[in-house]
Amino acid sequence: MALTEAMTQLEVGEGARARPVLEAMTRDGPPAYAGLARLVLANDALAGGDKAKARGLYEAVAADAAQPQPVRDAALLKAVRIGFDQMRPADVVAKLKPLAVPGNGWFGVAGELVAVALIRDGKPEQARPILIAMVKDEAMSPSLRSRAAQLAIAVGVDVTTLGIAAQPAAQ
């Protein structure tokens, strides 16, 4: 009840009342509620422009073995997305590679981040198989598949390998 009430307070602009309740919950609440409270506080910090605080909270959830794995994975992805530009490409790959595999529910988002990190690190040949798999994954959103195709073509993958038709030349 306190968690949903605090979330409602945040939504209606009463963050000053909600944040202390959420912060107390992160320390004293049952593990599941503590993790959810951290996620809510992280989202609030991100919405307020405090990326460092948000990233730290997401990383805390990702590292919390008491949290369900899907929650930990979501928090890890959020933390990496926020810190991507400040992270070494190898660190991005190390953190997300387990999620960047076909069949994983986070394959699209994690695959895109890993592929871009590999390209930034001068390893486009390692990004190609991930991008090809993303393009061919029909369960993935069209926008994500399109971005993957654009990246794949940019790193030298032939359109026939991707199973897409070449675009006609502009007149």
N, C-alpha and C. Protein backbone atom coordinates (compact mmCIF):
# COMPACT_ATOMS: atom_id res chain seq x y z
N MET A 1 0.82 -1.19 0.00
CA MET A 1 0.00 0.00 0.00
C MET A 1 0.87 1.27 0.00
N ALA A 2 1.91 1.28 0.82
CA ALA A 2 2.77 2.46 0.90
C ALA A 2 3.49 2.69 -0.42
N LEU A 3 3.89 1.61 -1.10
CA LEU A 3 4.59 1.74 -2.38
C LEU A 3 3.68 2.37 -3.42
N THR A 4 2.47 1.86 -3.57
CA THR A 4 1.57 2.42 -4.59
C THR A 4 1.17 3.84 -4.24
N GLU A 5 1.02 4.12 -2.97
CA GLU A 5 0.68 5.49 -2.55
C GLU A 5 1.83 6.44 -2.88
N ALA A 6 3.05 6.03 -2.62
CA ALA A 6 4.21 6.87 -2.94
C ALA A 6 4.34 7.07 -4.44
N MET A 7 4.08 6.03 -5.22
CA MET A 7 4.14 6.16 -6.67
C MET A 7 3.08 7.15 -7.17
N THR A 8 1.92 7.08 -6.60
CA THR A 8 0.86 8.02 -6.97
C THR A 8 1.26 9.44 -6.61
N GLN A 9 1.86 9.60 -5.45
CA GLN A 9 2.31 10.94 -5.04
C GLN A 9 3.35 11.49 -6.02
N LEU A 10 4.26 10.66 -6.47
CA LEU A 10 5.24 11.11 -7.47
C LEU A 10 4.55 11.56 -8.75
N GLU A 11 3.55 10.79 -9.16
CA GLU A 11 2.84 11.11 -10.41
C GLU A 11 2.12 12.45 -10.35
N VAL A 12 1.66 12.83 -9.17
CA VAL A 12 0.90 14.08 -9.05
C VAL A 12 1.75 15.23 -8.52
N GLY A 13 3.07 15.05 -8.54
CA GLY A 13 3.96 16.14 -8.18
C GLY A 13 4.21 16.30 -6.69
N GLU A 14 3.94 15.28 -5.91
CA GLU A 14 4.20 15.34 -4.47
C GLU A 14 5.42 14.51 -4.10
N GLY A 15 6.48 14.71 -4.85
CA GLY A 15 7.71 13.96 -4.63
C GLY A 15 8.31 14.16 -3.26
N ALA A 16 8.16 15.35 -2.70
CA ALA A 16 8.72 15.62 -1.37
C ALA A 16 8.10 14.71 -0.32
N ARG A 17 6.86 14.32 -0.50
CA ARG A 17 6.21 13.40 0.43
C ARG A 17 6.55 11.95 0.10
N ALA A 18 6.69 11.64 -1.17
CA ALA A 18 6.89 10.26 -1.60
C ALA A 18 8.31 9.76 -1.39
N ARG A 19 9.30 10.60 -1.67
CA ARG A 19 10.69 10.14 -1.64
C ARG A 19 11.13 9.59 -0.28
N PRO A 20 10.82 10.24 0.83
CA PRO A 20 11.24 9.67 2.12
C PRO A 20 10.63 8.29 2.39
N VAL A 21 9.40 8.10 1.98
CA VAL A 21 8.74 6.79 2.15
C VAL A 21 9.46 5.74 1.32
N LEU A 22 9.77 6.09 0.07
CA LEU A 22 10.47 5.16 -0.82
C LEU A 22 11.88 4.86 -0.31
N GLU A 23 12.58 5.88 0.15
CA GLU A 23 13.93 5.68 0.67
C GLU A 23 13.92 4.79 1.90
N ALA A 24 12.94 4.98 2.78
CA ALA A 24 12.82 4.10 3.95
C ALA A 24 12.54 2.67 3.52
N MET A 25 11.73 2.52 2.49
CA MET A 25 11.40 1.19 1.99
C MET A 25 12.64 0.49 1.42
N THR A 26 13.56 1.24 0.83
CA THR A 26 14.77 0.62 0.29
C THR A 26 15.63 0.05 1.41
N ARG A 27 15.55 0.64 2.60
CA ARG A 27 16.34 0.17 3.75
C ARG A 27 15.61 -0.86 4.59
N ASP A 28 14.32 -0.64 4.81
CA ASP A 28 13.59 -1.42 5.80
C ASP A 28 12.51 -2.33 5.24
N GLY A 29 12.21 -2.20 3.95
CA GLY A 29 11.12 -2.98 3.38
C GLY A 29 11.53 -4.40 3.04
N PRO A 30 10.54 -5.24 2.77
CA PRO A 30 10.87 -6.59 2.30
C PRO A 30 11.67 -6.49 1.00
N PRO A 31 12.51 -7.48 0.70
CA PRO A 31 13.40 -7.39 -0.47
C PRO A 31 12.71 -6.99 -1.77
N ALA A 32 11.57 -7.58 -2.08
CA ALA A 32 10.89 -7.24 -3.34
C ALA A 32 10.48 -5.77 -3.35
N TYR A 33 9.94 -5.29 -2.24
CA TYR A 33 9.53 -3.89 -2.18
C TYR A 33 10.72 -2.95 -2.19
N ALA A 34 11.81 -3.36 -1.54
CA ALA A 34 13.02 -2.54 -1.54
C ALA A 34 13.53 -2.35 -2.97
N GLY A 35 13.53 -3.42 -3.75
CA GLY A 35 13.97 -3.32 -5.14
C GLY A 35 13.06 -2.45 -5.97
N LEU A 36 11.75 -2.64 -5.80
CA LEU A 36 10.80 -1.81 -6.54
C LEU A 36 10.92 -0.34 -6.14
N ALA A 37 11.11 -0.09 -4.86
CA ALA A 37 11.26 1.30 -4.40
C ALA A 37 12.51 1.92 -5.01
N ARG A 38 13.60 1.15 -5.11
CA ARG A 38 14.82 1.67 -5.77
C ARG A 38 14.55 1.99 -7.23
N LEU A 39 13.81 1.11 -7.90
CA LEU A 39 13.49 1.38 -9.31
C LEU A 39 12.66 2.64 -9.46
N VAL A 40 11.69 2.82 -8.58
CA VAL A 40 10.85 4.02 -8.64
C VAL A 40 11.70 5.26 -8.37
N LEU A 41 12.59 5.19 -7.38
CA LEU A 41 13.47 6.32 -7.09
C LEU A 41 14.43 6.58 -8.25
N ALA A 42 14.90 5.52 -8.88
CA ALA A 42 15.79 5.69 -10.03
C ALA A 42 15.06 6.39 -11.18
N ASN A 43 13.84 5.95 -11.46
CA ASN A 43 13.05 6.59 -12.51
C ASN A 43 12.80 8.05 -12.18
N ASP A 44 12.53 8.33 -10.91
CA ASP A 44 12.29 9.71 -10.47
C ASP A 44 13.56 10.55 -10.64
N ALA A 45 14.70 10.00 -10.25
CA ALA A 45 15.96 10.72 -10.39
C ALA A 45 16.26 10.99 -11.87
N LEU A 46 16.02 10.00 -12.70
CA LEU A 46 16.26 10.17 -14.13
C LEU A 46 15.35 11.25 -14.71
N ALA A 47 14.08 11.21 -14.32
CA ALA A 47 13.13 12.23 -14.79
C ALA A 47 13.55 13.62 -14.33
N GLY A 48 14.20 13.70 -13.17
CA GLY A 48 14.67 14.97 -12.64
C GLY A 48 16.04 15.38 -13.17
N GLY A 49 16.63 14.56 -14.04
CA GLY A 49 17.91 14.91 -14.64
C GLY A 49 19.14 14.45 -13.88
N ASP A 50 18.96 13.72 -12.79
CA ASP A 50 20.10 13.25 -12.00
C ASP A 50 20.49 11.85 -12.48
N LYS A 51 21.23 11.82 -13.58
CA LYS A 51 21.61 10.54 -14.18
C LYS A 51 22.52 9.73 -13.27
N ALA A 52 23.42 10.38 -12.56
CA ALA A 52 24.35 9.64 -11.69
C ALA A 52 23.59 8.91 -10.59
N LYS A 53 22.65 9.58 -9.98
CA LYS A 53 21.86 8.95 -8.92
C LYS A 53 21.02 7.81 -9.49
N ALA A 54 20.39 8.07 -10.63
CA ALA A 54 19.55 7.04 -11.25
C ALA A 54 20.40 5.82 -11.59
N ARG A 55 21.55 6.04 -12.17
CA ARG A 55 22.41 4.92 -12.55
C ARG A 55 22.83 4.11 -11.33
N GLY A 56 23.18 4.80 -10.26
CA GLY A 56 23.58 4.10 -9.03
C GLY A 56 22.45 3.25 -8.47
N LEU A 57 21.24 3.77 -8.51
CA LEU A 57 20.09 3.01 -8.01
C LEU A 57 19.80 1.81 -8.91
N TYR A 58 19.87 2.00 -10.22
CA TYR A 58 19.66 0.87 -11.13
C TYR A 58 20.75 -0.20 -10.90
N GLU A 59 21.98 0.24 -10.74
CA GLU A 59 23.07 -0.72 -10.51
C GLU A 59 22.87 -1.47 -9.19
N ALA A 60 22.33 -0.80 -8.18
CA ALA A 60 22.06 -1.47 -6.90
C ALA A 60 21.02 -2.57 -7.08
N VAL A 61 19.99 -2.30 -7.86
CA VAL A 61 18.97 -3.32 -8.12
C VAL A 61 19.57 -4.46 -8.93
N ALA A 62 20.37 -4.13 -9.94
CA ALA A 62 20.97 -5.17 -10.79
C ALA A 62 21.88 -6.09 -9.98
N ALA A 63 22.51 -5.56 -8.95
CA ALA A 63 23.44 -6.36 -8.15
C ALA A 63 22.76 -7.09 -6.99
N ASP A 64 21.49 -6.84 -6.78
CA ASP A 64 20.77 -7.39 -5.62
C ASP A 64 20.24 -8.79 -5.93
N ALA A 65 20.91 -9.80 -5.39
CA ALA A 65 20.53 -11.20 -5.64
C ALA A 65 19.15 -11.54 -5.12
N ALA A 66 18.58 -10.70 -4.25
CA ALA A 66 17.23 -10.96 -3.73
C ALA A 66 16.15 -10.60 -4.74
N GLN A 67 16.53 -9.89 -5.80
CA GLN A 67 15.56 -9.48 -6.81
C GLN A 67 15.40 -10.57 -7.87
N PRO A 68 14.21 -10.67 -8.44
CA PRO A 68 14.03 -11.64 -9.53
C PRO A 68 14.94 -11.27 -10.71
N GLN A 69 15.43 -12.27 -11.42
CA GLN A 69 16.38 -12.03 -12.51
C GLN A 69 15.85 -11.06 -13.58
N PRO A 70 14.58 -11.16 -13.99
CA PRO A 70 14.11 -10.18 -14.99
C PRO A 70 14.18 -8.73 -14.50
N VAL A 71 13.95 -8.51 -13.23
CA VAL A 71 14.04 -7.17 -12.65
C VAL A 71 15.50 -6.73 -12.64
N ARG A 72 16.38 -7.62 -12.26
CA ARG A 72 17.81 -7.31 -12.25
C ARG A 72 18.31 -6.99 -13.66
N ASP A 73 17.86 -7.77 -14.64
CA ASP A 73 18.27 -7.54 -16.02
C ASP A 73 17.77 -6.19 -16.53
N ALA A 74 16.52 -5.87 -16.21
CA ALA A 74 15.97 -4.57 -16.64
C ALA A 74 16.75 -3.42 -16.02
N ALA A 75 17.08 -3.55 -14.76
CA ALA A 75 17.85 -2.51 -14.07
C ALA A 75 19.25 -2.38 -14.67
N LEU A 76 19.86 -3.51 -14.99
CA LEU A 76 21.19 -3.48 -15.61
C LEU A 76 21.15 -2.75 -16.95
N LEU A 77 20.16 -3.07 -17.76
CA LEU A 77 20.03 -2.40 -19.06
C LEU A 77 19.84 -0.90 -18.89
N LYS A 78 19.01 -0.50 -17.95
CA LYS A 78 18.79 0.93 -17.72
C LYS A 78 20.09 1.60 -17.28
N ALA A 79 20.83 0.96 -16.38
CA ALA A 79 22.08 1.53 -15.89
C ALA A 79 23.08 1.69 -17.03
N VAL A 80 23.19 0.68 -17.88
CA VAL A 80 24.13 0.76 -19.00
C VAL A 80 23.69 1.81 -20.01
N ARG A 81 22.40 1.87 -20.28
CA ARG A 81 21.92 2.89 -21.24
C ARG A 81 22.24 4.30 -20.75
N ILE A 82 22.05 4.53 -19.46
CA ILE A 82 22.33 5.85 -18.89
C ILE A 82 23.83 6.17 -18.95
N GLY A 83 24.65 5.18 -18.64
CA GLY A 83 26.09 5.41 -18.58
C GLY A 83 26.86 5.07 -19.83
N PHE A 84 26.17 4.68 -20.89
CA PHE A 84 26.82 4.17 -22.10
C PHE A 84 27.94 5.08 -22.60
N ASP A 85 27.69 6.36 -22.71
CA ASP A 85 28.68 7.27 -23.28
C ASP A 85 29.92 7.44 -22.40
N GLN A 86 29.78 7.15 -21.10
CA GLN A 86 30.92 7.28 -20.19
C GLN A 86 31.63 5.94 -19.97
N MET A 87 31.04 4.85 -20.45
CA MET A 87 31.60 3.52 -20.22
C MET A 87 32.59 3.14 -21.32
N ARG A 88 33.56 2.34 -20.95
CA ARG A 88 34.44 1.75 -21.95
C ARG A 88 33.62 0.72 -22.72
N PRO A 89 33.80 0.64 -24.04
CA PRO A 89 33.05 -0.35 -24.82
C PRO A 89 33.18 -1.78 -24.28
N ALA A 90 34.37 -2.15 -23.84
CA ALA A 90 34.58 -3.50 -23.32
C ALA A 90 33.71 -3.76 -22.08
N ASP A 91 33.49 -2.73 -21.27
CA ASP A 91 32.65 -2.88 -20.07
C ASP A 91 31.19 -3.08 -20.46
N VAL A 92 30.74 -2.34 -21.47
CA VAL A 92 29.37 -2.51 -21.97
C VAL A 92 29.19 -3.95 -22.44
N VAL A 93 30.12 -4.43 -23.24
CA VAL A 93 30.04 -5.79 -23.77
C VAL A 93 30.03 -6.80 -22.64
N ALA A 94 30.93 -6.65 -21.68
CA ALA A 94 31.01 -7.60 -20.57
C ALA A 94 29.71 -7.66 -19.77
N LYS A 95 29.11 -6.53 -19.55
CA LYS A 95 27.88 -6.49 -18.75
C LYS A 95 26.68 -7.05 -19.51
N LEU A 96 26.59 -6.77 -20.81
CA LEU A 96 25.37 -7.09 -21.55
C LEU A 96 25.46 -8.31 -22.45
N LYS A 97 26.63 -8.83 -22.68
CA LYS A 97 26.77 -9.96 -23.60
C LYS A 97 25.84 -11.13 -23.24
N PRO A 98 25.66 -11.46 -21.94
CA PRO A 98 24.75 -12.57 -21.62
C PRO A 98 23.30 -12.32 -22.05
N LEU A 99 22.91 -11.07 -22.17
CA LEU A 99 21.55 -10.72 -22.56
C LEU A 99 21.41 -10.55 -24.08
N ALA A 100 22.55 -10.38 -24.75
CA ALA A 100 22.56 -10.07 -26.18
C ALA A 100 22.61 -11.33 -27.03
N VAL A 101 21.73 -12.27 -26.73
CA VAL A 101 21.69 -13.53 -27.48
C VAL A 101 20.26 -13.78 -27.95
N PRO A 102 20.12 -14.32 -29.17
CA PRO A 102 18.77 -14.62 -29.67
C PRO A 102 18.03 -15.51 -28.67
N GLY A 103 16.76 -15.21 -28.51
CA GLY A 103 15.93 -15.97 -27.59
C GLY A 103 15.80 -15.33 -26.23
N ASN A 104 16.75 -14.48 -25.85
CA ASN A 104 16.65 -13.77 -24.59
C ASN A 104 15.65 -12.64 -24.76
N GLY A 105 14.83 -12.41 -23.77
CA GLY A 105 13.83 -11.34 -23.84
C GLY A 105 14.41 -9.95 -24.03
N TRP A 106 15.65 -9.77 -23.64
CA TRP A 106 16.30 -8.47 -23.77
C TRP A 106 17.23 -8.41 -24.98
N PHE A 107 17.16 -9.40 -25.85
CA PHE A 107 18.08 -9.48 -26.98
C PHE A 107 18.14 -8.20 -27.79
N GLY A 108 17.01 -7.63 -28.14
CA GLY A 108 17.00 -6.44 -28.99
C GLY A 108 17.74 -5.27 -28.40
N VAL A 109 17.38 -4.89 -27.19
CA VAL A 109 17.99 -3.72 -26.55
C VAL A 109 19.45 -4.01 -26.22
N ALA A 110 19.70 -5.16 -25.61
CA ALA A 110 21.08 -5.51 -25.25
C ALA A 110 21.94 -5.71 -26.50
N GLY A 111 21.39 -6.35 -27.51
CA GLY A 111 22.13 -6.58 -28.74
C GLY A 111 22.55 -5.28 -29.41
N GLU A 112 21.63 -4.34 -29.45
CA GLU A 112 21.95 -3.05 -30.06
C GLU A 112 23.08 -2.34 -29.30
N LEU A 113 22.99 -2.33 -27.98
CA LEU A 113 24.03 -1.67 -27.17
C LEU A 113 25.37 -2.38 -27.32
N VAL A 114 25.36 -3.69 -27.31
CA VAL A 114 26.61 -4.45 -27.48
C VAL A 114 27.20 -4.20 -28.87
N ALA A 115 26.36 -4.23 -29.89
CA ALA A 115 26.86 -4.01 -31.26
C ALA A 115 27.48 -2.62 -31.40
N VAL A 116 26.82 -1.61 -30.87
CA VAL A 116 27.36 -0.25 -30.96
C VAL A 116 28.67 -0.15 -30.17
N ALA A 117 28.73 -0.79 -29.00
CA ALA A 117 29.97 -0.78 -28.21
C ALA A 117 31.10 -1.46 -28.97
N LEU A 118 30.80 -2.58 -29.61
CA LEU A 118 31.83 -3.28 -30.39
C LEU A 118 32.31 -2.41 -31.56
N ILE A 119 31.40 -1.73 -32.21
CA ILE A 119 31.77 -0.85 -33.32
C ILE A 119 32.65 0.29 -32.80
N ARG A 120 32.24 0.89 -31.67
CA ARG A 120 33.04 1.96 -31.05
C ARG A 120 34.44 1.47 -30.68
N ASP A 121 34.54 0.19 -30.34
CA ASP A 121 35.81 -0.39 -29.92
C ASP A 121 36.64 -0.87 -31.10
N GLY A 122 36.18 -0.58 -32.32
CA GLY A 122 36.93 -0.98 -33.51
C GLY A 122 36.82 -2.46 -33.83
N LYS A 123 35.72 -3.09 -33.41
CA LYS A 123 35.52 -4.52 -33.65
C LYS A 123 34.21 -4.79 -34.39
N PRO A 124 34.04 -4.15 -35.55
CA PRO A 124 32.77 -4.33 -36.27
C PRO A 124 32.50 -5.77 -36.68
N GLU A 125 33.57 -6.55 -36.91
CA GLU A 125 33.38 -7.95 -37.29
C GLU A 125 32.68 -8.74 -36.19
N GLN A 126 32.87 -8.34 -34.93
CA GLN A 126 32.18 -9.01 -33.82
C GLN A 126 30.74 -8.53 -33.68
N ALA A 127 30.45 -7.34 -34.18
CA ALA A 127 29.09 -6.80 -34.12
C ALA A 127 28.20 -7.40 -35.21
N ARG A 128 28.79 -7.78 -36.32
CA ARG A 128 28.00 -8.24 -37.47
C ARG A 128 27.06 -9.40 -37.15
N PRO A 129 27.50 -10.48 -36.50
CA PRO A 129 26.56 -11.59 -36.25
C PRO A 129 25.39 -11.19 -35.36
N ILE A 130 25.64 -10.32 -34.41
CA ILE A 130 24.56 -9.84 -33.54
C ILE A 130 23.54 -9.05 -34.37
N LEU A 131 24.05 -8.16 -35.19
CA LEU A 131 23.16 -7.32 -36.00
C LEU A 131 22.37 -8.16 -37.01
N ILE A 132 23.03 -9.12 -37.62
CA ILE A 132 22.32 -10.00 -38.57
C ILE A 132 21.21 -10.75 -37.86
N ALA A 133 21.50 -11.29 -36.69
CA ALA A 133 20.47 -12.02 -35.94
C ALA A 133 19.32 -11.10 -35.54
N MET A 134 19.62 -9.86 -35.21
CA MET A 134 18.56 -8.91 -34.85
C MET A 134 17.66 -8.62 -36.05
N VAL A 135 18.28 -8.40 -37.20
CA VAL A 135 17.50 -8.09 -38.41
C VAL A 135 16.58 -9.26 -38.76
N LYS A 136 17.07 -10.46 -38.58
CA LYS A 136 16.30 -11.64 -38.96
C LYS A 136 15.29 -12.09 -37.90
N ASP A 137 15.32 -11.48 -36.75
CA ASP A 137 14.41 -11.84 -35.65
C ASP A 137 13.06 -11.14 -35.84
N GLU A 138 12.11 -11.85 -36.38
CA GLU A 138 10.81 -11.26 -36.71
C GLU A 138 9.98 -10.91 -35.48
N ALA A 139 10.37 -11.40 -34.31
CA ALA A 139 9.66 -11.05 -33.08
C ALA A 139 10.07 -9.67 -32.58
N MET A 140 11.15 -9.14 -33.10
CA MET A 140 11.65 -7.83 -32.67
C MET A 140 10.86 -6.72 -33.35
N SER A 141 10.81 -5.58 -32.71
CA SER A 141 10.06 -4.46 -33.27
C SER A 141 10.66 -4.02 -34.61
N PRO A 142 9.81 -3.56 -35.53
CA PRO A 142 10.31 -3.11 -36.83
C PRO A 142 11.35 -1.98 -36.70
N SER A 143 11.17 -1.07 -35.76
CA SER A 143 12.12 0.04 -35.63
C SER A 143 13.49 -0.47 -35.18
N LEU A 144 13.52 -1.42 -34.27
CA LEU A 144 14.78 -1.98 -33.81
C LEU A 144 15.46 -2.79 -34.92
N ARG A 145 14.67 -3.55 -35.65
CA ARG A 145 15.21 -4.31 -36.78
C ARG A 145 15.77 -3.37 -37.84
N SER A 146 15.09 -2.26 -38.07
CA SER A 146 15.55 -1.29 -39.06
C SER A 146 16.87 -0.65 -38.63
N ARG A 147 16.97 -0.27 -37.36
CA ARG A 147 18.23 0.31 -36.87
C ARG A 147 19.36 -0.71 -36.97
N ALA A 148 19.05 -1.97 -36.63
CA ALA A 148 20.07 -3.02 -36.73
C ALA A 148 20.52 -3.19 -38.18
N ALA A 149 19.57 -3.13 -39.11
CA ALA A 149 19.92 -3.26 -40.53
C ALA A 149 20.82 -2.10 -40.97
N GLN A 150 20.49 -0.90 -40.55
CA GLN A 150 21.31 0.26 -40.91
C GLN A 150 22.73 0.12 -40.37
N LEU A 151 22.84 -0.31 -39.12
CA LEU A 151 24.17 -0.52 -38.53
C LEU A 151 24.91 -1.64 -39.26
N ALA A 152 24.21 -2.73 -39.55
CA ALA A 152 24.84 -3.87 -40.22
C ALA A 152 25.40 -3.44 -41.58
N ILE A 153 24.61 -2.72 -42.34
CA ILE A 153 25.06 -2.25 -43.65
C ILE A 153 26.26 -1.31 -43.50
N ALA A 154 26.21 -0.47 -42.46
CA ALA A 154 27.31 0.47 -42.22
C ALA A 154 28.62 -0.24 -41.89
N VAL A 155 28.53 -1.45 -41.31
CA VAL A 155 29.75 -2.19 -40.97
C VAL A 155 30.05 -3.28 -42.00
N GLY A 156 29.45 -3.17 -43.18
CA GLY A 156 29.84 -4.03 -44.28
C GLY A 156 29.04 -5.28 -44.53
N VAL A 157 27.89 -5.44 -43.88
CA VAL A 157 27.06 -6.61 -44.14
C VAL A 157 26.26 -6.34 -45.41
N ASP A 158 26.27 -7.30 -46.32
CA ASP A 158 25.54 -7.17 -47.58
C ASP A 158 24.04 -7.31 -47.32
N VAL A 159 23.25 -6.54 -48.05
CA VAL A 159 21.80 -6.58 -47.85
C VAL A 159 21.22 -7.96 -48.13
N THR A 160 21.83 -8.72 -49.03
CA THR A 160 21.31 -10.07 -49.29
C THR A 160 21.51 -10.98 -48.08
N THR A 161 22.56 -10.78 -47.34
CA THR A 161 22.80 -11.54 -46.11
C THR A 161 21.71 -11.23 -45.09
N LEU A 162 21.26 -10.00 -45.10
CA LEU A 162 20.22 -9.57 -44.16
C LEU A 162 18.83 -10.02 -44.61
N GLY A 163 18.74 -10.41 -45.87
CA GLY A 163 17.43 -10.83 -46.38
C GLY A 163 16.51 -9.68 -46.70
N ILE A 164 17.12 -8.52 -46.99
CA ILE A 164 16.32 -7.35 -47.37
C ILE A 164 16.74 -6.91 -48.77
N ALA A 165 15.82 -6.27 -49.44
CA ALA A 165 16.10 -5.78 -50.79
C ALA A 165 16.90 -4.49 -50.72
N ALA A 166 17.80 -4.33 -51.65
CA ALA A 166 18.56 -3.07 -51.75
C ALA A 166 17.61 -1.96 -52.13
N GLN A 167 17.86 -0.78 -51.59
CA GLN A 167 17.04 0.38 -51.92
C GLN A 167 17.40 0.90 -53.30
N PRO A 168 16.39 1.29 -54.10
CA PRO A 168 16.70 1.83 -55.42
C PRO A 168 17.46 3.15 -55.28
N ALA A 169 18.33 3.40 -56.24
CA ALA A 169 19.11 4.64 -56.24
C ALA A 169 18.17 5.83 -56.38
N ALA A 170 18.55 6.93 -55.71
CA ALA A 170 17.73 8.17 -55.78
C ALA A 170 17.86 8.76 -57.17
N GLN A 171 16.79 9.30 -57.65
CA GLN A 171 16.77 9.89 -59.00
C GLN A 171 17.39 11.25 -58.99
